[in-house]
Amino acid sequence: MSNNTLWQRICRALKAARRTADLMAGMPDYENYVARQRRHNPDAPVMTKLQFQDYCSKRRCGSNGGRCC
């Protein structure tokens, strides 16, 4: 196996691990959001990554900054 192939496999594994950690923390995948938005609503604007993260955290924790109780 070449170094390039090994490096690609490591990068894919790290990307999958990060995606899994984000989903476990309640943060959906931005790339999937963009792909879905383009597929289902091609004329609608797409949030930036920062806007998307803010939207997801507010949806998950509420607008009071994460204090659930």
PDB file of N, CA and C in Angstrom:
ATOM      1  N   MET A   1       0.859  -1.174   0.000  1.00  0.00           N
ATOM      2  CA  MET A   1       0.000   0.000   0.000  1.00  0.00           C
ATOM      3  C   MET A   1       0.905   1.237   0.000  1.00  0.00           C
ATOM      4  N   SER A   2       0.602   2.189  -0.860  1.00  0.00           N
ATOM      5  CA  SER A   2       1.428   3.386  -0.958  1.00  0.00           C
ATOM      6  C   SER A   2       1.100   4.358   0.174  1.00  0.00           C
ATOM      7  N   ASN A   3       2.014   5.287   0.404  1.00  0.00           N
ATOM      8  CA  ASN A   3       1.808   6.296   1.441  1.00  0.00           C
ATOM      9  C   ASN A   3       0.602   7.174   1.136  1.00  0.00           C
ATOM     10  N   ASN A   4       0.382   7.452  -0.140  1.00  0.00           N
ATOM     11  CA  ASN A   4      -0.745   8.290  -0.534  1.00  0.00           C
ATOM     12  C   ASN A   4      -2.073   7.615  -0.193  1.00  0.00           C
ATOM     13  N   THR A   5      -2.177   6.326  -0.478  1.00  0.00           N
ATOM     14  CA  THR A   5      -3.391   5.580  -0.175  1.00  0.00           C
ATOM     15  C   THR A   5      -3.613   5.512   1.327  1.00  0.00           C
ATOM     16  N   LEU A   6      -2.567   5.281   2.069  1.00  0.00           N
ATOM     17  CA  LEU A   6      -2.663   5.223   3.524  1.00  0.00           C
ATOM     18  C   LEU A   6      -3.117   6.573   4.075  1.00  0.00           C
ATOM     19  N   TRP A   7      -2.559   7.648   3.555  1.00  0.00           N
ATOM     20  CA  TRP A   7      -2.929   8.993   3.997  1.00  0.00           C
ATOM     21  C   TRP A   7      -4.404   9.274   3.691  1.00  0.00           C
ATOM     22  N   GLN A   8      -4.877   8.872   2.540  1.00  0.00           N
ATOM     23  CA  GLN A   8      -6.288   9.071   2.183  1.00  0.00           C
ATOM     24  C   GLN A   8      -7.205   8.295   3.128  1.00  0.00           C
ATOM     25  N   ARG A   9      -6.820   7.081   3.471  1.00  0.00           N
ATOM     26  CA  ARG A   9      -7.631   6.276   4.395  1.00  0.00           C
ATOM     27  C   ARG A   9      -7.659   6.905   5.783  1.00  0.00           C
ATOM     28  N   ILE A  10      -6.539   7.440   6.215  1.00  0.00           N
ATOM     29  CA  ILE A  10      -6.482   8.106   7.526  1.00  0.00           C
ATOM     30  C   ILE A  10      -7.368   9.351   7.516  1.00  0.00           C
ATOM     31  N   CYS A  11      -7.300  10.139   6.453  1.00  0.00           N
ATOM     32  CA  CYS A  11      -8.133  11.348   6.349  1.00  0.00           C
ATOM     33  C   CYS A  11      -9.614  11.011   6.356  1.00  0.00           C
ATOM     34  N   ARG A  12      -9.996   9.966   5.626  1.00  0.00           N
ATOM     35  CA  ARG A  12     -11.410   9.552   5.620  1.00  0.00           C
ATOM     36  C   ARG A  12     -11.856   9.099   7.002  1.00  0.00           C
ATOM     37  N   ALA A  13     -11.005   8.368   7.702  1.00  0.00           N
ATOM     38  CA  ALA A  13     -11.348   7.896   9.046  1.00  0.00           C
ATOM     39  C   ALA A  13     -11.492   9.063  10.012  1.00  0.00           C
ATOM     40  N   LEU A  14     -10.595  10.034   9.925  1.00  0.00           N
ATOM     41  CA  LEU A  14     -10.686  11.204  10.800  1.00  0.00           C
ATOM     42  C   LEU A  14     -11.933  12.030  10.503  1.00  0.00           C
ATOM     43  N   LYS A  15     -12.280  12.169   9.233  1.00  0.00           N
ATOM     44  CA  LYS A  15     -13.479  12.910   8.864  1.00  0.00           C
ATOM     45  C   LYS A  15     -14.731  12.203   9.386  1.00  0.00           C
ATOM     46  N   ALA A  16     -14.755  10.890   9.278  1.00  0.00           N
ATOM     47  CA  ALA A  16     -15.896  10.118   9.792  1.00  0.00           C
ATOM     48  C   ALA A  16     -15.984  10.229  11.309  1.00  0.00           C
ATOM     49  N   ALA A  17     -14.842  10.209  11.982  1.00  0.00           N
ATOM     50  CA  ALA A  17     -14.838  10.332  13.440  1.00  0.00           C
ATOM     51  C   ALA A  17     -15.337  11.709  13.868  1.00  0.00           C
ATOM     52  N   ARG A  18     -14.930  12.730  13.167  1.00  0.00           N
ATOM     53  CA  ARG A  18     -15.407  14.077  13.503  1.00  0.00           C
ATOM     54  C   ARG A  18     -16.904  14.207  13.252  1.00  0.00           C
ATOM     55  N   ARG A  19     -17.372  13.675  12.129  1.00  0.00           N
ATOM     56  CA  ARG A  19     -18.803  13.719  11.821  1.00  0.00           C
ATOM     57  C   ARG A  19     -19.604  12.982  12.894  1.00  0.00           C
ATOM     58  N   THR A  20     -19.103  11.839  13.334  1.00  0.00           N
ATOM     59  CA  THR A  20     -19.770  11.076  14.385  1.00  0.00           C
ATOM     60  C   THR A  20     -19.805  11.853  15.686  1.00  0.00           C
ATOM     61  N   ALA A  21     -18.685  12.470  16.061  1.00  0.00           N
ATOM     62  CA  ALA A  21     -18.634  13.264  17.297  1.00  0.00           C
ATOM     63  C   ALA A  21     -19.587  14.449  17.222  1.00  0.00           C
ATOM     64  N   ASP A  22     -19.648  15.107  16.078  1.00  0.00           N
ATOM     65  CA  ASP A  22     -20.574  16.229  15.917  1.00  0.00           C
ATOM     66  C   ASP A  22     -22.022  15.776  16.053  1.00  0.00           C
ATOM     67  N   LEU A  23     -22.356  14.654  15.435  1.00  0.00           N
ATOM     68  CA  LEU A  23     -23.725  14.149  15.532  1.00  0.00           C
ATOM     69  C   LEU A  23     -24.067  13.745  16.965  1.00  0.00           C
ATOM     70  N   MET A  24     -23.105  13.179  17.678  1.00  0.00           N
ATOM     71  CA  MET A  24     -23.330  12.805  19.081  1.00  0.00           C
ATOM     72  C   MET A  24     -23.563  14.041  19.941  1.00  0.00           C
ATOM     73  N   ALA A  25     -22.939  15.150  19.572  1.00  0.00           N
ATOM     74  CA  ALA A  25     -23.106  16.401  20.313  1.00  0.00           C
ATOM     75  C   ALA A  25     -24.321  17.190  19.829  1.00  0.00           C
ATOM     76  N   GLY A  26     -25.028  16.654  18.842  1.00  0.00           N
ATOM     77  CA  GLY A  26     -26.219  17.327  18.352  1.00  0.00           C
ATOM     78  C   GLY A  26     -25.958  18.330  17.251  1.00  0.00           C
ATOM     79  N   MET A  27     -24.805  18.264  16.620  1.00  0.00           N
ATOM     80  CA  MET A  27     -24.460  19.199  15.551  1.00  0.00           C
ATOM     81  C   MET A  27     -24.508  18.461  14.212  1.00  0.00           C
ATOM     82  N   PRO A  28     -25.577  18.657  13.424  1.00  0.00           N
ATOM     83  CA  PRO A  28     -25.681  17.992  12.128  1.00  0.00           C
ATOM     84  C   PRO A  28     -24.540  18.387  11.187  1.00  0.00           C
ATOM     85  N   ASP A  29     -24.354  17.606  10.147  1.00  0.00           N
ATOM     86  CA  ASP A  29     -23.260  17.790   9.199  1.00  0.00           C
ATOM     87  C   ASP A  29     -23.585  18.912   8.211  1.00  0.00           C
ATOM     88  N   TYR A  30     -22.726  19.914   8.133  1.00  0.00           N
ATOM     89  CA  TYR A  30     -22.951  21.077   7.263  1.00  0.00           C
ATOM     90  C   TYR A  30     -22.978  20.684   5.784  1.00  0.00           C
ATOM     91  N   GLU A  31     -22.062  19.818   5.362  1.00  0.00           N
ATOM     92  CA  GLU A  31     -22.017  19.423   3.959  1.00  0.00           C
ATOM     93  C   GLU A  31     -23.313  18.724   3.540  1.00  0.00           C
ATOM     94  N   ASN A  32     -23.857  17.888   4.421  1.00  0.00           N
ATOM     95  CA  ASN A  32     -25.131  17.237   4.110  1.00  0.00           C
ATOM     96  C   ASN A  32     -26.261  18.260   4.038  1.00  0.00           C
ATOM     97  N   TYR A  33     -26.234  19.257   4.919  1.00  0.00           N
ATOM     98  CA  TYR A  33     -27.239  20.320   4.881  1.00  0.00           C
ATOM     99  C   TYR A  33     -27.192  21.050   3.544  1.00  0.00           C
ATOM    100  N   VAL A  34     -25.988  21.427   3.103  1.00  0.00           N
ATOM    101  CA  VAL A  34     -25.845  22.167   1.848  1.00  0.00           C
ATOM    102  C   VAL A  34     -26.333  21.316   0.676  1.00  0.00           C
ATOM    103  N   ALA A  35     -25.942  20.042   0.638  1.00  0.00           N
ATOM    104  CA  ALA A  35     -26.357  19.164  -0.455  1.00  0.00           C
ATOM    105  C   ALA A  35     -27.875  19.003  -0.476  1.00  0.00           C
ATOM    106  N   ARG A  36     -28.461  18.814   0.684  1.00  0.00           N
ATOM    107  CA  ARG A  36     -29.917  18.650   0.760  1.00  0.00           C
ATOM    108  C   ARG A  36     -30.629  19.941   0.358  1.00  0.00           C
ATOM    109  N   GLN A  37     -30.124  21.069   0.816  1.00  0.00           N
ATOM    110  CA  GLN A  37     -30.736  22.365   0.487  1.00  0.00           C
ATOM    111  C   GLN A  37     -30.683  22.601  -1.024  1.00  0.00           C
ATOM    112  N   ARG A  38     -29.565  22.302  -1.639  1.00  0.00           N
ATOM    113  CA  ARG A  38     -29.420  22.498  -3.090  1.00  0.00           C
ATOM    114  C   ARG A  38     -30.338  21.554  -3.871  1.00  0.00           C
ATOM    115  N   ARG A  39     -30.508  20.341  -3.347  1.00  0.00           N
ATOM    116  CA  ARG A  39     -31.332  19.350  -4.026  1.00  0.00           C
ATOM    117  C   ARG A  39     -32.828  19.679  -3.917  1.00  0.00           C
ATOM    118  N   HIS A  40     -33.280  20.053  -2.718  1.00  0.00           N
ATOM    119  CA  HIS A  40     -34.707  20.250  -2.488  1.00  0.00           C
ATOM    120  C   HIS A  40     -35.175  21.694  -2.660  1.00  0.00           C
ATOM    121  N   ASN A  41     -34.307  22.667  -2.425  1.00  0.00           N
ATOM    122  CA  ASN A  41     -34.660  24.085  -2.546  1.00  0.00           C
ATOM    123  C   ASN A  41     -33.554  24.825  -3.285  1.00  0.00           C
ATOM    124  N   PRO A  42     -33.376  24.564  -4.568  1.00  0.00           N
ATOM    125  CA  PRO A  42     -32.227  25.139  -5.278  1.00  0.00           C
ATOM    126  C   PRO A  42     -32.215  26.663  -5.331  1.00  0.00           C
ATOM    127  N   ASP A  43     -33.376  27.304  -5.214  1.00  0.00           N
ATOM    128  CA  ASP A  43     -33.421  28.768  -5.291  1.00  0.00           C
ATOM    129  C   ASP A  43     -33.299  29.436  -3.929  1.00  0.00           C
ATOM    130  N   ALA A  44     -33.412  28.669  -2.862  1.00  0.00           N
ATOM    131  CA  ALA A  44     -33.352  29.234  -1.511  1.00  0.00           C
ATOM    132  C   ALA A  44     -31.903  29.515  -1.117  1.00  0.00           C
ATOM    133  N   PRO A  45     -31.676  30.557  -0.311  1.00  0.00           N
ATOM    134  CA  PRO A  45     -30.305  30.831   0.135  1.00  0.00           C
ATOM    135  C   PRO A  45     -29.809  29.747   1.095  1.00  0.00           C
ATOM    136  N   VAL A  46     -28.517  29.531   1.103  1.00  0.00           N
ATOM    137  CA  VAL A  46     -27.890  28.542   1.980  1.00  0.00           C
ATOM    138  C   VAL A  46     -27.162  29.282   3.092  1.00  0.00           C
ATOM    139  N   MET A  47     -27.365  28.853   4.323  1.00  0.00           N
ATOM    140  CA  MET A  47     -26.685  29.479   5.460  1.00  0.00           C
ATOM    141  C   MET A  47     -25.181  29.235   5.359  1.00  0.00           C
ATOM    142  N   THR A  48     -24.409  30.166   5.890  1.00  0.00           N
ATOM    143  CA  THR A  48     -22.974  29.941   6.000  1.00  0.00           C
ATOM    144  C   THR A  48     -22.746  28.896   7.087  1.00  0.00           C
ATOM    145  N   LYS A  49     -21.538  28.373   7.164  1.00  0.00           N
ATOM    146  CA  LYS A  49     -21.250  27.355   8.172  1.00  0.00           C
ATOM    147  C   LYS A  49     -21.454  27.911   9.585  1.00  0.00           C
ATOM    148  N   LEU A  50     -21.056  29.154   9.810  1.00  0.00           N
ATOM    149  CA  LEU A  50     -21.229  29.777  11.118  1.00  0.00           C
ATOM    150  C   LEU A  50     -22.711  29.967  11.448  1.00  0.00           C
ATOM    151  N   GLN A  51     -23.499  30.421  10.474  1.00  0.00           N
ATOM    152  CA  GLN A  51     -24.939  30.567  10.681  1.00  0.00           C
ATOM    153  C   GLN A  51     -25.588  29.219  10.979  1.00  0.00           C
ATOM    154  N   PHE A  52     -25.154  28.190  10.254  1.00  0.00           N
ATOM    155  CA  PHE A  52     -25.694  26.851  10.454  1.00  0.00           C
ATOM    156  C   PHE A  52     -25.384  26.341  11.860  1.00  0.00           C
ATOM    157  N   GLN A  53     -24.147  26.531  12.319  1.00  0.00           N
ATOM    158  CA  GLN A  53     -23.773  26.095  13.668  1.00  0.00           C
ATOM    159  C   GLN A  53     -24.567  26.850  14.726  1.00  0.00           C
ATOM    160  N   ASP A  54     -24.748  28.144  14.526  1.00  0.00           N
ATOM    161  CA  ASP A  54     -25.531  28.941  15.467  1.00  0.00           C
ATOM    162  C   ASP A  54     -26.983  28.475  15.497  1.00  0.00           C
ATOM    163  N   TYR A  55     -27.558  28.236  14.329  1.00  0.00           N
ATOM    164  CA  TYR A  55     -28.933  27.753  14.230  1.00  0.00           C
ATOM    165  C   TYR A  55     -29.100  26.415  14.956  1.00  0.00           C
ATOM    166  N   CYS A  56     -28.162  25.498  14.725  1.00  0.00           N
ATOM    167  CA  CYS A  56     -28.250  24.173  15.349  1.00  0.00           C
ATOM    168  C   CYS A  56     -28.101  24.252  16.863  1.00  0.00           C
ATOM    169  N   SER A  57     -27.183  25.083  17.347  1.00  0.00           N
ATOM    170  CA  SER A  57     -27.004  25.185  18.796  1.00  0.00           C
ATOM    171  C   SER A  57     -28.211  25.836  19.457  1.00  0.00           C
ATOM    172  N   LYS A  58     -28.829  26.828  18.797  1.00  0.00           N
ATOM    173  CA  LYS A  58     -30.035  27.444  19.351  1.00  0.00           C
ATOM    174  C   LYS A  58     -31.198  26.466  19.329  1.00  0.00           C
ATOM    175  N   ARG A  59     -31.286  25.674  18.284  1.00  0.00           N
ATOM    176  CA  ARG A  59     -32.352  24.682  18.190  1.00  0.00           C
ATOM    177  C   ARG A  59     -32.179  23.599  19.254  1.00  0.00           C
ATOM    178  N   ARG A  60     -30.919  23.222  19.505  1.00  0.00           N
ATOM    179  CA  ARG A  60     -30.626  22.173  20.471  1.00  0.00           C
ATOM    180  C   ARG A  60     -30.761  22.676  21.899  1.00  0.00           C
ATOM    181  N   CYS A  61     -30.245  23.859  22.200  1.00  0.00           N
ATOM    182  CA  CYS A  61     -30.164  24.341  23.575  1.00  0.00           C
ATOM    183  C   CYS A  61     -31.158  25.438  23.900  1.00  0.00           C
ATOM    184  N   GLY A  62     -31.858  25.924  22.930  1.00  0.00           N
ATOM    185  CA  GLY A  62     -32.772  27.039  23.162  1.00  0.00           C
ATOM    186  C   GLY A  62     -32.042  28.358  23.024  1.00  0.00           C
ATOM    187  N   SER A  63     -32.799  29.416  23.024  1.00  0.00           N
ATOM    188  CA  SER A  63     -32.199  30.733  22.807  1.00  0.00           C
ATOM    189  C   SER A  63     -31.633  31.347  24.083  1.00  0.00           C
ATOM    190  N   ASN A  64     -31.747  30.645  25.212  1.00  0.00           N
ATOM    191  CA  ASN A  64     -31.261  31.188  26.491  1.00  0.00           C
ATOM    192  C   ASN A  64     -29.803  30.806  26.750  1.00  0.00           C
ATOM    193  N   GLY A  65     -29.076  30.383  25.751  1.00  0.00           N
ATOM    194  CA  GLY A  65     -27.659  30.124  25.917  1.00  0.00           C
ATOM    195  C   GLY A  65     -27.306  28.746  26.446  1.00  0.00           C
ATOM    196  N   GLY A  66     -28.216  27.810  26.385  1.00  0.00           N
ATOM    197  CA  GLY A  66     -27.883  26.452  26.776  1.00  0.00           C
ATOM    198  C   GLY A  66     -28.315  26.058  28.169  1.00  0.00           C
ATOM    199  N   ARG A  67     -28.896  26.974  28.890  1.00  0.00           N
ATOM    200  CA  ARG A  67     -29.377  26.637  30.235  1.00  0.00           C
ATOM    201  C   ARG A  67     -30.754  25.996  30.093  1.00  0.00           C
ATOM    202  N   CYS A  68     -30.821  24.731  30.310  1.00  0.00           N
ATOM    203  CA  CYS A  68     -32.091  24.004  30.132  1.00  0.00           C
ATOM    204  C   CYS A  68     -32.981  24.142  31.349  1.00  0.00           C
ATOM    205  N   CYS A  69     -32.418  24.357  32.488  1.00  0.00           N
ATOM    206  CA  CYS A  69     -33.206  24.414  33.732  1.00  0.00           C
ATOM    207  C   CYS A  69     -33.079  25.758  34.412  1.00  0.00           C
TER     208      CYS A  69
END
